C-alpha cells in the first residue's frame, strides 16, 4: 500500500453537553465526549458484561454551532473523522489526549427534535426521528 489512512467511524451517545470555545475572527471549537459500548456473555459465569469506551470529540466552526444548538447529553450520533494526539504540560506534568476531529456527522436521535415533534403532534402517532447529516463547510471550486 502506497499511502496511509487515519480514519475513525463511531456511533455512540453523548456523555455531556457540547462545550464551546469561540475565537476572534468568528472561528469556534466544540468538544464533547461520546460513549460506545459492547456487551458479551462471560462463558464461565454466564453473566452479561458490558464495557464502555469514552471518546473525545472535536467539531469546528459551523458544525460546532449546529452541535451546540441541537445536541444534548444522551443523544445518539454517527461521527466520522481522524485521530489527533495532543500533549501539553500542566503544573510540571506532561498530559496527553487523543481526540477524534470530526469531518462528517449524522444525528441519529436527538432529545430536542423528539420533544419538538411531540409538542407539535400531541394527538397524532409519533413518527421516528429523521437523521440529520451535517458536514463541515468546504471551499472547493466545483460548479455544483
Protein backbone atom coordinates (compact mmCIF):
# COMPACT_ATOMS: atom_id res chain seq x y z
CA UNK A 1 0.00 0.00 0.00
CA UNK A 2 1.44 3.34 -1.04
CA UNK A 3 -0.21 5.69 1.48
CA UNK A 4 -1.57 5.81 4.98
CA UNK A 5 -5.07 6.26 6.37
CA UNK A 6 -6.23 7.93 9.55
CA UNK A 7 -10.00 7.38 9.68
CA UNK A 8 -12.37 6.78 12.59
CA UNK A 9 -16.09 5.91 12.48
CA UNK A 10 -18.08 5.84 15.72
CA UNK A 11 -21.74 5.54 16.69
CA UNK A 12 -22.32 6.47 20.31
CA UNK A 13 -24.17 8.55 22.86
CA UNK A 14 -23.16 11.99 24.12
CA UNK A 15 -21.83 11.81 27.66
CA UNK A 16 -22.13 15.55 28.31
CA UNK A 17 -23.28 18.81 26.73
CA UNK A 18 -21.23 20.40 23.92
CA UNK A 19 -18.61 22.76 25.40
CA UNK A 20 -17.94 25.67 23.05
CA UNK A 21 -14.93 27.97 22.72
CA UNK A 22 -15.12 30.99 20.42
CA UNK A 23 -12.09 32.74 18.92
CA UNK A 24 -11.51 36.20 17.48
CA UNK A 25 -12.43 36.19 13.80
CA UNK A 26 -15.56 34.04 14.27
CA UNK A 27 -13.99 30.58 14.49
CA UNK A 28 -15.29 28.15 17.08
CA UNK A 29 -14.49 24.72 18.54
CA UNK A 30 -16.93 22.41 20.24
CA UNK A 31 -15.88 19.49 22.41
CA UNK A 32 -17.90 16.64 23.89
CA UNK A 33 -17.43 13.01 24.89
CA UNK A 34 -19.31 10.11 23.34
CA UNK A 35 -19.60 6.62 24.75
CA UNK A 36 -19.51 3.40 22.76
CA UNK A 37 -20.43 0.12 24.43
CA UNK A 38 -20.17 -3.56 23.67
CA UNK A 39 -21.77 -6.46 25.51
CA UNK A 40 -20.85 -10.10 25.76
CA UNK A 41 -21.68 -13.08 27.95
CA UNK A 42 -18.93 -14.40 30.20
CA UNK A 43 -18.66 -18.10 29.30
CA UNK A 44 -17.52 -19.12 32.78
CA UNK A 45 -20.19 -17.30 34.83
CA UNK A 46 -22.94 -16.83 32.24
CA UNK A 47 -23.10 -13.19 33.32
CA UNK A 48 -23.72 -10.44 30.75
CA UNK A 49 -20.80 -7.98 30.74
CA UNK A 50 -20.92 -4.51 29.17
CA UNK A 51 -17.78 -2.44 28.58
CA UNK A 52 -17.90 1.24 27.70
CA UNK A 53 -15.20 3.29 25.97
CA UNK A 54 -15.17 7.09 26.02
CA UNK A 55 -14.01 9.18 23.06
CA UNK A 56 -13.16 12.89 23.00
CA UNK A 57 -14.89 14.52 20.02
CA UNK A 58 -13.86 17.86 18.45
CA UNK A 59 -16.02 19.77 15.96
CA UNK A 60 -15.18 23.12 14.38
CA UNK A 61 -16.86 26.31 13.21
CA UNK A 62 -20.37 25.92 11.74
CA UNK A 63 -20.60 22.22 12.63
CA UNK A 64 -19.72 23.10 16.24
CA UNK A 65 -22.51 25.69 16.36
CA UNK A 66 -25.02 23.18 14.94
CA UNK A 67 -23.98 20.59 17.53
CA UNK A 68 -24.33 23.13 20.34
CA UNK A 69 -27.82 24.05 19.13
CA UNK A 70 -29.25 20.56 18.61
CA UNK A 71 -27.32 18.03 20.71
CA UNK A 72 -27.77 17.25 24.40
CA UNK A 73 -26.44 14.61 26.77
CA UNK A 74 -27.68 11.14 25.81
CA UNK A 75 -28.26 11.84 22.09
CA UNK A 76 -27.03 9.19 19.64
CA UNK A 77 -24.69 10.35 16.86
CA UNK A 78 -22.63 8.94 14.00
CA UNK A 79 -19.24 10.63 13.69
CA UNK A 80 -16.54 10.22 11.11
CA UNK A 81 -13.13 11.83 11.34
CA UNK A 82 -9.47 11.34 12.14
CA UNK A 83 -7.49 10.69 15.31
CA UNK A 84 -5.34 13.51 16.63
CA UNK A 85 -2.95 13.16 19.58
CA UNK A 86 -2.14 16.21 21.69
CA UNK A 87 0.32 16.76 24.50
CA UNK A 88 0.83 19.69 26.87
CA UNK A 89 2.38 20.41 30.23
CA UNK A 90 0.28 21.35 33.25
CA UNK A 91 1.84 22.04 36.64
CA UNK A 92 5.06 20.38 35.50
CA UNK A 93 3.27 17.18 34.44
CA UNK A 94 3.05 16.09 30.81
CA UNK A 95 -0.56 15.44 29.80
CA UNK A 96 -1.77 13.52 26.74
CA UNK A 97 -5.09 13.36 24.94
CA UNK A 98 -6.40 11.53 21.90
CA UNK A 99 -9.28 13.22 20.08
CA UNK A 100 -11.50 12.48 17.11
CA UNK A 101 -11.53 15.53 14.82
CA UNK A 102 -14.86 15.23 13.04
CA UNK A 103 -15.18 15.62 9.28
CA UNK A 104 -18.75 14.30 8.98
CA UNK A 105 -21.57 13.80 11.45
CA UNK A 106 -25.16 12.49 11.43
CA UNK A 107 -27.61 13.00 14.29
CA UNK A 108 -29.29 9.62 14.81
CA UNK A 109 -31.59 10.67 17.65
CA UNK A 110 -31.87 13.97 19.47
CA UNK A 111 -33.97 14.76 22.53
CA UNK A 112 -34.69 18.29 21.27
CA UNK A 113 -36.15 17.10 17.94
CA UNK A 114 -38.18 14.42 19.74
CA UNK A 115 -39.58 16.98 22.21
CA UNK A 116 -40.47 19.39 19.38
CA UNK A 117 -42.17 16.59 17.41
CA UNK A 118 -44.24 15.60 20.44
CA UNK A 119 -45.32 19.20 21.13
CA UNK A 120 -46.50 19.81 17.57
CA UNK A 121 -48.15 16.40 17.10
CA UNK A 122 -49.73 15.83 20.52
CA UNK A 123 -52.78 13.87 19.27
CA UNK A 124 -51.06 12.11 16.38
CA UNK A 125 -48.97 8.93 16.48
CA UNK A 126 -45.30 9.71 16.92
CA UNK A 127 -43.00 9.33 13.95
CA UNK A 128 -39.36 8.29 14.08
CA UNK A 129 -36.71 10.99 14.19
CA UNK A 130 -35.25 11.65 10.76
CA UNK A 131 -31.44 11.60 10.86
CA UNK A 132 -29.80 14.90 10.02
CA UNK A 133 -26.47 14.74 8.24
CA UNK A 134 -24.08 17.63 8.59
CA UNK A 135 -20.60 18.12 7.20
CA UNK A 136 -18.18 20.99 7.69
CA UNK A 137 -18.00 23.71 5.09
CA UNK A 138 -15.65 23.02 2.22
CA UNK A 139 -14.06 25.60 -0.03
CA UNK A 140 -13.91 23.92 -3.41
CA UNK A 141 -14.33 25.46 -6.83
CA UNK A 142 -16.76 22.90 -8.22
CA UNK A 143 -19.74 24.47 -10.03
CA UNK A 144 -22.25 22.15 -8.32
